Amino acid sequence: MDEEVIPILRVEDAVATVDWYERLGFTKQWEHHFEPGLPAFVEVARRPVRLFLSEHQGDARPDTLVYLRVSDVDAVAAEFGVPVKDAPWAREIELRDPDGNRLRVGTPTQ
C-alpha cells in the first residue's frame, strides 16, 4: 500500500458539495452513514488525489485551505469563471466550495 495524506473537509450538505467537486473533476467514490439519517462521510477523487468530505461535527474546522496541483489551471478557471493569477511558482486560482473551504488550484510554471 502506498502511504498518502487525505485531507478531511467539513461540509454541511454532502450531496451539494459533491456536485460542486464534480465540476472540479472529482468523482464520488463512496458514502458512509452509521445509520440512516445520520451525517454523511464521503470520499471524492480526481485521479490519485482524494478528499474526505464530512458532515460530522468536529471532524474538521471550516475555512480550511487545500492546495490542488493540476495540469491545466486555465481549464479549471474557465469552468468556474475566475481569473488566473501568475505567481513565481505557478499559475493559480482560489476557489471556495459551498461550505467555505478554500482550494488554491495551480499549475506549476517550471
C-alpha atoms as a PDB file:
ATOM      1  CA  MET A   1       0.000   0.000   0.000  1.00  0.00           C
ATOM      2  CA  ASP A   2       1.229   3.474  -0.847  1.00  0.00           C
ATOM      3  CA  GLU A   3       1.181   5.956   2.007  1.00  0.00           C
ATOM      4  CA  GLU A   4      -0.748   9.167   1.469  1.00  0.00           C
ATOM      5  CA  VAL A   5      -2.391  12.113   3.178  1.00  0.00           C
ATOM      6  CA  ILE A   6      -6.129  12.629   2.657  1.00  0.00           C
ATOM      7  CA  PRO A   7      -7.482  15.988   3.857  1.00  0.00           C
ATOM      8  CA  ILE A   8     -10.868  15.933   5.593  1.00  0.00           C
ATOM      9  CA  LEU A   9     -13.106  18.912   4.867  1.00  0.00           C
ATOM     10  CA  ARG A  10     -16.141  19.830   6.964  1.00  0.00           C
ATOM     11  CA  VAL A  11     -19.329  20.158   4.919  1.00  0.00           C
ATOM     12  CA  GLU A  12     -22.958  20.852   5.772  1.00  0.00           C
ATOM     13  CA  ASP A  13     -24.604  19.193   2.757  1.00  0.00           C
ATOM     14  CA  ALA A  14     -22.518  16.386   1.275  1.00  0.00           C
ATOM     15  CA  VAL A  15     -24.779  15.983  -1.768  1.00  0.00           C
ATOM     16  CA  ALA A  16     -24.444  19.644  -2.810  1.00  0.00           C
ATOM     17  CA  THR A  17     -20.726  19.668  -2.039  1.00  0.00           C
ATOM     18  CA  VAL A  18     -20.080  16.510  -4.086  1.00  0.00           C
ATOM     19  CA  ASP A  19     -21.862  18.177  -7.029  1.00  0.00           C
ATOM     20  CA  TRP A  20     -19.516  21.172  -6.670  1.00  0.00           C
ATOM     21  CA  TYR A  21     -16.393  18.970  -6.527  1.00  0.00           C
ATOM     22  CA  GLU A  22     -17.564  17.124  -9.644  1.00  0.00           C
ATOM     23  CA  ARG A  23     -17.244  20.447 -11.502  1.00  0.00           C
ATOM     24  CA  LEU A  24     -13.607  20.428 -10.370  1.00  0.00           C
ATOM     25  CA  GLY A  25     -13.064  16.989 -11.927  1.00  0.00           C
ATOM     26  CA  PHE A  26     -13.599  14.850  -8.808  1.00  0.00           C
ATOM     27  CA  THR A  27     -15.887  11.816  -8.744  1.00  0.00           C
ATOM     28  CA  LYS A  28     -17.669  10.358  -5.749  1.00  0.00           C
ATOM     29  CA  GLN A  29     -16.065   7.075  -4.669  1.00  0.00           C
ATOM     30  CA  TRP A  30     -18.279   6.077  -1.744  1.00  0.00           C
ATOM     31  CA  GLU A  31     -20.522   7.436   1.010  1.00  0.00           C
ATOM     32  CA  HIS A  32     -20.965   6.155   4.566  1.00  0.00           C
ATOM     33  CA  HIS A  33     -23.653   6.759   7.239  1.00  0.00           C
ATOM     34  CA  PHE A  34     -23.502   4.973  10.598  1.00  0.00           C
ATOM     35  CA  GLU A  35     -27.306   4.738  10.394  1.00  0.00           C
ATOM     36  CA  PRO A  36     -29.962   6.205   8.087  1.00  0.00           C
ATOM     37  CA  GLY A  37     -30.442   9.888   8.807  1.00  0.00           C
ATOM     38  CA  LEU A  38     -27.031  10.345  10.439  1.00  0.00           C
ATOM     39  CA  PRO A  39     -24.311  12.586   8.937  1.00  0.00           C
ATOM     40  CA  ALA A  40     -22.510  11.512   5.766  1.00  0.00           C
ATOM     41  CA  PHE A  41     -18.814  10.808   5.277  1.00  0.00           C
ATOM     42  CA  VAL A  42     -17.871  10.813   1.580  1.00  0.00           C
ATOM     43  CA  GLU A  43     -14.748  10.240  -0.486  1.00  0.00           C
ATOM     44  CA  VAL A  44     -14.194  12.122  -3.745  1.00  0.00           C
ATOM     45  CA  ALA A  45     -11.224  11.559  -6.062  1.00  0.00           C
ATOM     46  CA  ARG A  46      -9.561  13.220  -9.019  1.00  0.00           C
ATOM     47  CA  ARG A  47      -7.057  10.730 -10.419  1.00  0.00           C
ATOM     48  CA  PRO A  48      -4.722   9.933  -7.462  1.00  0.00           C
ATOM     49  CA  VAL A  49      -5.933  12.922  -5.378  1.00  0.00           C
ATOM     50  CA  ARG A  50      -8.543  12.091  -2.744  1.00  0.00           C
ATOM     51  CA  LEU A  51     -10.548  14.190  -0.297  1.00  0.00           C
ATOM     52  CA  PHE A  52     -12.878  13.162   2.504  1.00  0.00           C
ATOM     53  CA  LEU A  53     -15.992  15.306   2.975  1.00  0.00           C
ATOM     54  CA  SER A  54     -17.571  15.013   6.408  1.00  0.00           C
ATOM     55  CA  GLU A  55     -20.886  16.242   7.764  1.00  0.00           C
ATOM     56  CA  HIS A  56     -19.788  15.142  11.265  1.00  0.00           C
ATOM     57  CA  GLN A  57     -19.331  17.938  13.810  1.00  0.00           C
ATOM     58  CA  GLY A  58     -15.723  18.145  14.981  1.00  0.00           C
ATOM     59  CA  ASP A  59     -14.114  16.231  12.098  1.00  0.00           C
ATOM     60  CA  ALA A  60     -12.582  19.367  10.623  1.00  0.00           C
ATOM     61  CA  ARG A  61     -12.859  23.086  11.001  1.00  0.00           C
ATOM     62  CA  PRO A  62     -14.438  25.364   8.410  1.00  0.00           C
ATOM     63  CA  ASP A  63     -12.332  27.615   6.169  1.00  0.00           C
ATOM     64  CA  THR A  64      -9.625  25.012   5.563  1.00  0.00           C
ATOM     65  CA  LEU A  65      -7.154  25.658   2.723  1.00  0.00           C
ATOM     66  CA  VAL A  66      -6.117  22.808   0.395  1.00  0.00           C
ATOM     67  CA  TYR A  67      -3.647  23.217  -2.468  1.00  0.00           C
ATOM     68  CA  LEU A  68      -4.505  21.233  -5.611  1.00  0.00           C
ATOM     69  CA  ARG A  69      -1.843  20.980  -8.309  1.00  0.00           C
ATOM     70  CA  VAL A  70      -3.365  20.358 -11.763  1.00  0.00           C
ATOM     71  CA  SER A  71      -2.026  20.103 -15.308  1.00  0.00           C
ATOM     72  CA  ASP A  72      -4.332  22.835 -16.718  1.00  0.00           C
ATOM     73  CA  VAL A  73      -5.431  25.548 -14.279  1.00  0.00           C
ATOM     74  CA  ASP A  74      -6.838  27.576 -17.179  1.00  0.00           C
ATOM     75  CA  ALA A  75      -9.483  24.902 -17.839  1.00  0.00           C
ATOM     76  CA  VAL A  76     -10.486  24.901 -14.169  1.00  0.00           C
ATOM     77  CA  ALA A  77     -10.610  28.713 -14.142  1.00  0.00           C
ATOM     78  CA  ALA A  78     -12.862  28.677 -17.217  1.00  0.00           C
ATOM     79  CA  GLU A  79     -15.251  26.181 -15.546  1.00  0.00           C
ATOM     80  CA  PHE A  80     -15.629  28.462 -12.524  1.00  0.00           C
ATOM     81  CA  GLY A  81     -15.371  31.805 -14.344  1.00  0.00           C
ATOM     82  CA  VAL A  82     -12.438  33.118 -12.310  1.00  0.00           C
ATOM     83  CA  PRO A  83      -9.228  34.839 -13.427  1.00  0.00           C
ATOM     84  CA  VAL A  84      -5.854  33.116 -13.215  1.00  0.00           C
ATOM     85  CA  LYS A  85      -3.067  34.890 -11.339  1.00  0.00           C
ATOM     86  CA  ASP A  86       0.613  34.412 -12.057  1.00  0.00           C
ATOM     87  CA  ALA A  87       2.863  33.678  -9.076  1.00  0.00           C
ATOM     88  CA  PRO A  88       6.592  32.936  -9.303  1.00  0.00           C
ATOM     89  CA  TRP A  89       5.935  29.205  -8.662  1.00  0.00           C
ATOM     90  CA  ALA A  90       2.633  28.631 -10.532  1.00  0.00           C
ATOM     91  CA  ARG A  91      -0.396  29.997 -12.342  1.00  0.00           C
ATOM     92  CA  GLU A  92      -3.152  29.864  -9.701  1.00  0.00           C
ATOM     93  CA  ILE A  93      -6.774  30.444  -8.830  1.00  0.00           C
ATOM     94  CA  GLU A  94      -8.544  30.334  -5.489  1.00  0.00           C
ATOM     95  CA  LEU A  95     -11.998  28.817  -5.096  1.00  0.00           C
ATOM     96  CA  ARG A  96     -14.385  28.329  -2.176  1.00  0.00           C
ATOM     97  CA  ASP A  97     -16.580  25.259  -2.010  1.00  0.00           C
ATOM     98  CA  PRO A  98     -20.217  25.604  -0.860  1.00  0.00           C
ATOM     99  CA  ASP A  99     -19.068  25.298   2.777  1.00  0.00           C
ATOM    100  CA  GLY A 100     -16.383  27.982   2.594  1.00  0.00           C
ATOM    101  CA  ASN A 101     -13.396  25.628   2.376  1.00  0.00           C
ATOM    102  CA  ARG A 102     -10.716  27.216   0.217  1.00  0.00           C
ATOM    103  CA  LEU A 103      -8.971  25.473  -2.646  1.00  0.00           C
ATOM    104  CA  ARG A 104      -5.936  27.052  -4.213  1.00  0.00           C
ATOM    105  CA  VAL A 105      -5.547  25.398  -7.611  1.00  0.00           C
ATOM    106  CA  GLY A 106      -2.347  25.807  -9.558  1.00  0.00           C
ATOM    107  CA  THR A 107      -0.245  24.676 -12.480  1.00  0.00           C
ATOM    108  CA  PRO A 108       3.494  24.909 -11.787  1.00  0.00           C
ATOM    109  CA  THR A 109       5.418  27.268 -14.068  1.00  0.00           C
ATOM    110  CA  GLN A 110       8.505  25.031 -14.087  1.00  0.00           C
END
